[in-house]
Amino acid sequence: MFAIIIVCVALVASLVIVIRIATYGGSVIKPDFRKALERINRGNMFSFLLENKFWYNSNIVGYYIILFMWISIVVTTLCLILI
């Protein structure tokens, strides 16, 4: 039961992250990651992490992995409903 709660919280948190990056970046498919991450980290004491190229690239990769995960969840759910 505890694992189900953790998975649900992780799914909701990942959806919120994707929505925030898409909103601040200006697009869902190809957002401006630099602008989105600067806006999210505004006032954050760890904002110096934006200067690290590996951290920036890992955020881009993570964004697309989470986005494709949510697209596959929606498509699978729609297929199950239609069948």
C-alpha atoms as a PDB file:
ATOM      1  CA  MET A   1       0.000   0.000   0.000  1.00  0.00           C
ATOM      2  CA  PHE A   2       2.856   2.317   0.873  1.00  0.00           C
ATOM      3  CA  ALA A   3       4.476   1.696  -2.516  1.00  0.00           C
ATOM      4  CA  ILE A   4       1.260   2.650  -4.313  1.00  0.00           C
ATOM      5  CA  ILE A   5       1.170   5.955  -2.435  1.00  0.00           C
ATOM      6  CA  ILE A   6       4.794   6.683  -3.336  1.00  0.00           C
ATOM      7  CA  VAL A   7       4.158   5.909  -7.018  1.00  0.00           C
ATOM      8  CA  CYS A   8       1.070   8.144  -7.066  1.00  0.00           C
ATOM      9  CA  VAL A   9       2.952  11.033  -5.435  1.00  0.00           C
ATOM     10  CA  ALA A  10       5.821  10.603  -7.922  1.00  0.00           C
ATOM     11  CA  LEU A  11       3.414  10.617 -10.875  1.00  0.00           C
ATOM     12  CA  VAL A  12       1.694  13.780  -9.671  1.00  0.00           C
ATOM     13  CA  ALA A  13       5.021  15.492  -8.948  1.00  0.00           C
ATOM     14  CA  SER A  14       6.367  14.582 -12.389  1.00  0.00           C
ATOM     15  CA  LEU A  15       3.242  15.951 -14.048  1.00  0.00           C
ATOM     16  CA  VAL A  16       3.594  19.228 -12.132  1.00  0.00           C
ATOM     17  CA  ILE A  17       7.243  19.515 -13.191  1.00  0.00           C
ATOM     18  CA  VAL A  18       6.400  18.948 -16.864  1.00  0.00           C
ATOM     19  CA  ILE A  19       3.581  21.499 -16.727  1.00  0.00           C
ATOM     20  CA  ARG A  20       5.812  24.106 -15.040  1.00  0.00           C
ATOM     21  CA  ILE A  21       8.629  23.682 -17.568  1.00  0.00           C
ATOM     22  CA  ALA A  22       6.177  23.760 -20.484  1.00  0.00           C
ATOM     23  CA  THR A  23       4.451  26.861 -19.095  1.00  0.00           C
ATOM     24  CA  TYR A  24       7.611  28.825 -18.351  1.00  0.00           C
ATOM     25  CA  GLY A  25       9.399  27.566 -21.465  1.00  0.00           C
ATOM     26  CA  GLY A  26       6.596  28.521 -23.813  1.00  0.00           C
ATOM     27  CA  SER A  27       5.986  25.147 -25.477  1.00  0.00           C
ATOM     28  CA  VAL A  28       5.316  21.522 -24.594  1.00  0.00           C
ATOM     29  CA  ILE A  29       7.310  19.931 -27.417  1.00  0.00           C
ATOM     30  CA  LYS A  30      10.335  22.249 -27.495  1.00  0.00           C
ATOM     31  CA  PRO A  31      10.371  24.601 -24.518  1.00  0.00           C
ATOM     32  CA  ASP A  32      13.127  27.111 -23.846  1.00  0.00           C
ATOM     33  CA  PHE A  33      14.764  25.175 -21.013  1.00  0.00           C
ATOM     34  CA  ARG A  34      17.183  27.938 -20.054  1.00  0.00           C
ATOM     35  CA  LYS A  35      14.353  30.431 -19.539  1.00  0.00           C
ATOM     36  CA  ALA A  36      12.141  27.889 -17.766  1.00  0.00           C
ATOM     37  CA  LEU A  37      14.845  26.713 -15.384  1.00  0.00           C
ATOM     38  CA  GLU A  38      15.899  30.290 -14.608  1.00  0.00           C
ATOM     39  CA  ARG A  39      12.300  31.187 -13.779  1.00  0.00           C
ATOM     40  CA  ILE A  40      11.807  28.080 -11.623  1.00  0.00           C
ATOM     41  CA  ASN A  41      15.086  28.674  -9.772  1.00  0.00           C
ATOM     42  CA  ARG A  42      14.539  32.394  -9.249  1.00  0.00           C
ATOM     43  CA  GLY A  43      15.218  33.109  -5.596  1.00  0.00           C
ATOM     44  CA  ASN A  44      16.616  29.624  -5.060  1.00  0.00           C
ATOM     45  CA  MET A  45      20.032  29.472  -3.400  1.00  0.00           C
ATOM     46  CA  PHE A  46      20.997  26.560  -5.695  1.00  0.00           C
ATOM     47  CA  SER A  47      20.407  28.522  -8.904  1.00  0.00           C
ATOM     48  CA  PHE A  48      24.140  28.345  -9.681  1.00  0.00           C
ATOM     49  CA  LEU A  49      23.418  24.795 -10.903  1.00  0.00           C
ATOM     50  CA  LEU A  50      22.156  26.312 -14.168  1.00  0.00           C
ATOM     51  CA  GLU A  51      25.758  27.006 -15.105  1.00  0.00           C
ATOM     52  CA  ASN A  52      26.614  23.313 -15.029  1.00  0.00           C
ATOM     53  CA  LYS A  53      26.158  21.931 -18.563  1.00  0.00           C
ATOM     54  CA  PHE A  54      25.675  18.330 -17.366  1.00  0.00           C
ATOM     55  CA  TRP A  55      22.888  19.409 -14.977  1.00  0.00           C
ATOM     56  CA  TYR A  56      21.204  21.402 -17.737  1.00  0.00           C
ATOM     57  CA  ASN A  57      21.375  18.490 -20.209  1.00  0.00           C
ATOM     58  CA  SER A  58      20.113  16.016 -17.611  1.00  0.00           C
ATOM     59  CA  ASN A  59      17.075  18.257 -17.039  1.00  0.00           C
ATOM     60  CA  ILE A  60      16.331  18.210 -20.763  1.00  0.00           C
ATOM     61  CA  VAL A  61      16.617  14.419 -20.944  1.00  0.00           C
ATOM     62  CA  GLY A  62      14.520  13.994 -17.802  1.00  0.00           C
ATOM     63  CA  TYR A  63      11.836  16.328 -19.157  1.00  0.00           C
ATOM     64  CA  TYR A  64      11.415  14.319 -22.345  1.00  0.00           C
ATOM     65  CA  ILE A  65      11.439  10.988 -20.498  1.00  0.00           C
ATOM     66  CA  ILE A  66       8.687  12.200 -18.169  1.00  0.00           C
ATOM     67  CA  LEU A  67       6.745  13.757 -21.071  1.00  0.00           C
ATOM     68  CA  PHE A  68       6.834  10.547 -23.111  1.00  0.00           C
ATOM     69  CA  MET A  69       5.884   8.536 -20.013  1.00  0.00           C
ATOM     70  CA  TRP A  70       2.772  10.671 -19.554  1.00  0.00           C
ATOM     71  CA  ILE A  71       1.922  10.475 -23.260  1.00  0.00           C
ATOM     72  CA  SER A  72       2.155   6.685 -23.113  1.00  0.00           C
ATOM     73  CA  ILE A  73      -0.038   6.599 -19.981  1.00  0.00           C
ATOM     74  CA  VAL A  74      -2.707   8.709 -21.687  1.00  0.00           C
ATOM     75  CA  VAL A  75      -2.599   6.698 -24.925  1.00  0.00           C
ATOM     76  CA  THR A  76      -2.763   3.385 -23.052  1.00  0.00           C
ATOM     77  CA  THR A  77      -5.697   4.601 -20.970  1.00  0.00           C
ATOM     78  CA  LEU A  78      -7.542   5.784 -24.068  1.00  0.00           C
ATOM     79  CA  CYS A  79      -6.947   2.457 -25.783  1.00  0.00           C
ATOM     80  CA  LEU A  80      -8.260   0.566 -22.758  1.00  0.00           C
ATOM     81  CA  ILE A  81     -11.352   2.764 -22.620  1.00  0.00           C
ATOM     82  CA  LEU A  82     -12.069   2.350 -26.326  1.00  0.00           C
ATOM     83  CA  ILE A  83     -11.612  -1.420 -26.313  1.00  0.00           C
END
